[in-house]
Amino acid sequence: MQPLIFRRIAYAMLAASFIGFLDASYLTAAHYFNFSLPCSILSGCDLVITSEYSKILGIPVALLGAIYYSFIFFASIAYLDAGNSFIIKLVAYATILGFLASLWFVYVQLFILNALCLYCIISAITSTALFILGMRFLAEKRITVV
């Protein structure tokens, strides 16, 4: 049986990754269907998603984000189903990469492009929440093993 705190973390990761997936999928659709993003609170969405920093090796960063969030989502489901702590531990470590990527892209927006994309900030917040949850899992795992 899984400890309750691990299940709660997995459910929170499930919810956060779903929000992140929706956000990243919307940005991916904007890229491929070439539509302008409504950016009511912040300005600069179109500048950010069409900049040279919006792709890695020709692949939209938003698509990579959607893949990342779907991995977290389905791995969280797998953990809740199977109870294998290796799965959620893998997810916890994956959130480090997502968090570092978010830090980089927020830096690019603030200091290189001088423009902020609301949807990118939502993704960064989601990624940060996943990172915090992942670190919480690793901290709890260490406490329960001792």
C-alpha atoms as a PDB file:
ATOM      1  CA  MET A   1       0.000   0.000   0.000  1.00  0.00           C
ATOM      2  CA  GLN A   2       1.225   3.463  -0.892  1.00  0.00           C
ATOM      3  CA  PRO A   3       1.676   6.008   1.879  1.00  0.00           C
ATOM      4  CA  LEU A   4      -1.103   8.610   1.798  1.00  0.00           C
ATOM      5  CA  ILE A   5       1.348  11.503   1.302  1.00  0.00           C
ATOM      6  CA  PHE A   6       2.725   9.831  -1.860  1.00  0.00           C
ATOM      7  CA  ARG A   7      -0.768   9.383  -3.270  1.00  0.00           C
ATOM      8  CA  ARG A   8      -1.607  13.015  -2.530  1.00  0.00           C
ATOM      9  CA  ILE A   9       1.577  14.167  -4.251  1.00  0.00           C
ATOM     10  CA  ALA A  10       0.763  11.967  -7.254  1.00  0.00           C
ATOM     11  CA  TYR A  11      -2.776  13.385  -7.483  1.00  0.00           C
ATOM     12  CA  ALA A  12      -1.424  16.930  -7.265  1.00  0.00           C
ATOM     13  CA  MET A  13       1.105  16.115  -9.999  1.00  0.00           C
ATOM     14  CA  LEU A  14      -1.719  14.678 -12.081  1.00  0.00           C
ATOM     15  CA  ALA A  15      -3.707  17.914 -11.786  1.00  0.00           C
ATOM     16  CA  ALA A  16      -0.738  20.223 -12.403  1.00  0.00           C
ATOM     17  CA  SER A  17       0.505  18.224 -15.381  1.00  0.00           C
ATOM     18  CA  PHE A  18      -2.964  18.285 -16.925  1.00  0.00           C
ATOM     19  CA  ILE A  19      -3.036  22.092 -16.682  1.00  0.00           C
ATOM     20  CA  GLY A  20       0.480  22.243 -18.125  1.00  0.00           C
ATOM     21  CA  PHE A  21      -0.491  19.926 -20.966  1.00  0.00           C
ATOM     22  CA  LEU A  22      -3.517  22.049 -21.887  1.00  0.00           C
ATOM     23  CA  ASP A  23      -1.397  25.204 -21.838  1.00  0.00           C
ATOM     24  CA  ALA A  24       1.469  23.725 -23.865  1.00  0.00           C
ATOM     25  CA  SER A  25      -0.963  22.143 -26.338  1.00  0.00           C
ATOM     26  CA  TYR A  26      -2.612  25.517 -26.912  1.00  0.00           C
ATOM     27  CA  LEU A  27       0.791  27.074 -27.590  1.00  0.00           C
ATOM     28  CA  THR A  28       1.670  24.200 -29.922  1.00  0.00           C
ATOM     29  CA  ALA A  29      -1.583  24.709 -31.840  1.00  0.00           C
ATOM     30  CA  ALA A  30      -0.831  28.445 -32.099  1.00  0.00           C
ATOM     31  CA  HIS A  31       2.545  27.577 -33.578  1.00  0.00           C
ATOM     32  CA  TYR A  32       1.328  25.054 -36.159  1.00  0.00           C
ATOM     33  CA  PHE A  33      -1.890  26.837 -37.127  1.00  0.00           C
ATOM     34  CA  ASN A  34      -0.205  30.246 -37.021  1.00  0.00           C
ATOM     35  CA  PHE A  35      -2.854  32.119 -35.063  1.00  0.00           C
ATOM     36  CA  SER A  36      -2.269  35.126 -32.866  1.00  0.00           C
ATOM     37  CA  LEU A  37      -2.539  34.593 -29.125  1.00  0.00           C
ATOM     38  CA  PRO A  38      -4.796  36.858 -27.101  1.00  0.00           C
ATOM     39  CA  CYS A  39      -2.524  38.281 -24.444  1.00  0.00           C
ATOM     40  CA  SER A  40      -4.757  40.463 -22.300  1.00  0.00           C
ATOM     41  CA  ILE A  41      -2.715  40.746 -19.101  1.00  0.00           C
ATOM     42  CA  LEU A  42       0.783  40.749 -20.540  1.00  0.00           C
ATOM     43  CA  SER A  43       1.926  41.821 -23.963  1.00  0.00           C
ATOM     44  CA  GLY A  44       4.458  39.993 -26.045  1.00  0.00           C
ATOM     45  CA  CYS A  45       2.932  36.551 -26.531  1.00  0.00           C
ATOM     46  CA  ASP A  46       3.366  36.592 -30.300  1.00  0.00           C
ATOM     47  CA  LEU A  47       6.924  37.918 -30.025  1.00  0.00           C
ATOM     48  CA  VAL A  48       7.868  35.149 -27.589  1.00  0.00           C
ATOM     49  CA  ILE A  49       6.303  32.248 -29.476  1.00  0.00           C
ATOM     50  CA  THR A  50       7.746  33.334 -32.822  1.00  0.00           C
ATOM     51  CA  SER A  51      11.237  34.174 -31.566  1.00  0.00           C
ATOM     52  CA  GLU A  52      14.318  32.144 -32.413  1.00  0.00           C
ATOM     53  CA  TYR A  53      14.123  30.766 -28.855  1.00  0.00           C
ATOM     54  CA  SER A  54      10.731  29.152 -29.482  1.00  0.00           C
ATOM     55  CA  LYS A  55      12.285  26.118 -31.206  1.00  0.00           C
ATOM     56  CA  ILE A  56      14.973  23.597 -30.398  1.00  0.00           C
ATOM     57  CA  LEU A  57      16.354  21.816 -33.468  1.00  0.00           C
ATOM     58  CA  GLY A  58      13.268  22.940 -35.385  1.00  0.00           C
ATOM     59  CA  ILE A  59      10.868  21.488 -32.782  1.00  0.00           C
ATOM     60  CA  PRO A  60       8.578  23.990 -31.044  1.00  0.00           C
ATOM     61  CA  VAL A  61       9.399  24.296 -27.349  1.00  0.00           C
ATOM     62  CA  ALA A  62       5.656  24.193 -26.684  1.00  0.00           C
ATOM     63  CA  LEU A  63       5.455  20.720 -28.251  1.00  0.00           C
ATOM     64  CA  LEU A  64       8.336  19.554 -26.063  1.00  0.00           C
ATOM     65  CA  GLY A  65       6.437  20.975 -23.091  1.00  0.00           C
ATOM     66  CA  ALA A  66       3.275  19.096 -24.073  1.00  0.00           C
ATOM     67  CA  ILE A  67       5.301  15.880 -24.279  1.00  0.00           C
ATOM     68  CA  TYR A  68       6.890  16.600 -20.884  1.00  0.00           C
ATOM     69  CA  TYR A  69       3.543  17.296 -19.215  1.00  0.00           C
ATOM     70  CA  SER A  70       1.924  14.212 -20.776  1.00  0.00           C
ATOM     71  CA  PHE A  71       4.818  12.088 -19.462  1.00  0.00           C
ATOM     72  CA  ILE A  72       4.256  13.444 -15.950  1.00  0.00           C
ATOM     73  CA  PHE A  73       0.493  12.910 -16.302  1.00  0.00           C
ATOM     74  CA  PHE A  74       0.646   9.304 -17.487  1.00  0.00           C
ATOM     75  CA  ALA A  75       3.477   8.359 -15.137  1.00  0.00           C
ATOM     76  CA  SER A  76       1.425   9.715 -12.215  1.00  0.00           C
ATOM     77  CA  ILE A  77      -1.502   7.557 -13.331  1.00  0.00           C
ATOM     78  CA  ALA A  78       0.829   4.564 -13.595  1.00  0.00           C
ATOM     79  CA  TYR A  79       2.077   5.183 -10.055  1.00  0.00           C
ATOM     80  CA  LEU A  80      -1.439   5.489  -8.672  1.00  0.00           C
ATOM     81  CA  ASP A  81      -2.398   2.280 -10.458  1.00  0.00           C
ATOM     82  CA  ALA A  82       0.672   0.139  -9.742  1.00  0.00           C
ATOM     83  CA  GLY A  83       2.033   1.740  -6.581  1.00  0.00           C
ATOM     84  CA  ASN A  84       5.596   1.356  -7.827  1.00  0.00           C
ATOM     85  CA  SER A  85       7.565   4.096  -6.091  1.00  0.00           C
ATOM     86  CA  PHE A  86      10.248   3.940  -8.808  1.00  0.00           C
ATOM     87  CA  ILE A  87       7.756   5.523 -11.219  1.00  0.00           C
ATOM     88  CA  ILE A  88       7.003   8.517  -9.026  1.00  0.00           C
ATOM     89  CA  LYS A  89      10.689   8.841  -8.139  1.00  0.00           C
ATOM     90  CA  LEU A  90      11.462   9.041 -11.880  1.00  0.00           C
ATOM     91  CA  VAL A  91       8.768  11.705 -12.226  1.00  0.00           C
ATOM     92  CA  ALA A  92      10.237  13.640  -9.299  1.00  0.00           C
ATOM     93  CA  TYR A  93      13.655  13.718 -10.953  1.00  0.00           C
ATOM     94  CA  ALA A  94      12.109  14.654 -14.322  1.00  0.00           C
ATOM     95  CA  THR A  95      10.574  17.738 -12.710  1.00  0.00           C
ATOM     96  CA  ILE A  96      14.087  19.062 -12.127  1.00  0.00           C
ATOM     97  CA  LEU A  97      14.632  19.212 -15.895  1.00  0.00           C
ATOM     98  CA  GLY A  98      11.260  20.872 -16.421  1.00  0.00           C
ATOM     99  CA  PHE A  99      12.026  23.453 -13.747  1.00  0.00           C
ATOM    100  CA  LEU A 100      15.462  24.257 -15.188  1.00  0.00           C
ATOM    101  CA  ALA A 101      13.953  24.636 -18.666  1.00  0.00           C
ATOM    102  CA  SER A 102      11.315  26.990 -17.244  1.00  0.00           C
ATOM    103  CA  LEU A 103      13.969  29.085 -15.519  1.00  0.00           C
ATOM    104  CA  TRP A 104      15.830  29.407 -18.821  1.00  0.00           C
ATOM    105  CA  PHE A 105      12.728  30.420 -20.769  1.00  0.00           C
ATOM    106  CA  VAL A 106      11.635  32.971 -18.168  1.00  0.00           C
ATOM    107  CA  TYR A 107      15.162  34.412 -18.292  1.00  0.00           C
ATOM    108  CA  VAL A 108      14.929  34.608 -22.110  1.00  0.00           C
ATOM    109  CA  GLN A 109      11.591  36.400 -21.890  1.00  0.00           C
ATOM    110  CA  LEU A 110      12.703  38.894 -19.258  1.00  0.00           C
ATOM    111  CA  PHE A 111      16.269  39.690 -20.260  1.00  0.00           C
ATOM    112  CA  ILE A 112      16.696  38.793 -23.926  1.00  0.00           C
ATOM    113  CA  LEU A 113      13.314  39.345 -25.574  1.00  0.00           C
ATOM    114  CA  ASN A 114      12.017  41.921 -23.077  1.00  0.00           C
ATOM    115  CA  ALA A 115       8.553  40.457 -23.568  1.00  0.00           C
ATOM    116  CA  LEU A 116       6.367  38.178 -21.499  1.00  0.00           C
ATOM    117  CA  CYS A 117       3.947  35.562 -22.728  1.00  0.00           C
ATOM    118  CA  LEU A 118       1.076  34.881 -20.338  1.00  0.00           C
ATOM    119  CA  TYR A 119       0.785  31.266 -21.477  1.00  0.00           C
ATOM    120  CA  CYS A 120       4.524  30.727 -21.052  1.00  0.00           C
ATOM    121  CA  ILE A 121       4.329  32.132 -17.522  1.00  0.00           C
ATOM    122  CA  ILE A 122       1.446  29.754 -16.763  1.00  0.00           C
ATOM    123  CA  SER A 123       3.651  26.911 -17.961  1.00  0.00           C
ATOM    124  CA  ALA A 124       6.539  28.132 -15.798  1.00  0.00           C
ATOM    125  CA  ILE A 125       4.271  28.294 -12.742  1.00  0.00           C
ATOM    126  CA  THR A 126       2.959  24.810 -13.478  1.00  0.00           C
ATOM    127  CA  SER A 127       6.471  23.486 -13.945  1.00  0.00           C
ATOM    128  CA  THR A 128       7.549  25.098 -10.674  1.00  0.00           C
ATOM    129  CA  ALA A 129       4.601  23.511  -8.863  1.00  0.00           C
ATOM    130  CA  LEU A 130       5.575  20.115 -10.279  1.00  0.00           C
ATOM    131  CA  PHE A 131       9.174  20.680  -9.173  1.00  0.00           C
ATOM    132  CA  ILE A 132       8.066  21.532  -5.624  1.00  0.00           C
ATOM    133  CA  LEU A 133       5.863  18.432  -5.534  1.00  0.00           C
ATOM    134  CA  GLY A 134       8.715  16.303  -6.862  1.00  0.00           C
ATOM    135  CA  MET A 135      11.115  17.607  -4.239  1.00  0.00           C
ATOM    136  CA  ARG A 136       8.471  17.044  -1.568  1.00  0.00           C
ATOM    137  CA  PHE A 137       8.173  13.431  -2.688  1.00  0.00           C
ATOM    138  CA  LEU A 138      11.941  12.931  -2.561  1.00  0.00           C
ATOM    139  CA  ALA A 139      12.092  14.509   0.905  1.00  0.00           C
ATOM    140  CA  GLU A 140       9.226  12.324   2.177  1.00  0.00           C
ATOM    141  CA  LYS A 141      10.766   9.241   0.579  1.00  0.00           C
ATOM    142  CA  ARG A 142      14.010   9.888   2.443  1.00  0.00           C
ATOM    143  CA  ILE A 143      12.149  10.348   5.740  1.00  0.00           C
ATOM    144  CA  THR A 144      10.067   7.162   5.368  1.00  0.00           C
ATOM    145  CA  VAL A 145      13.056   5.000   4.334  1.00  0.00           C
ATOM    146  CA  VAL A 146      15.112   5.876   7.430  1.00  0.00           C
END
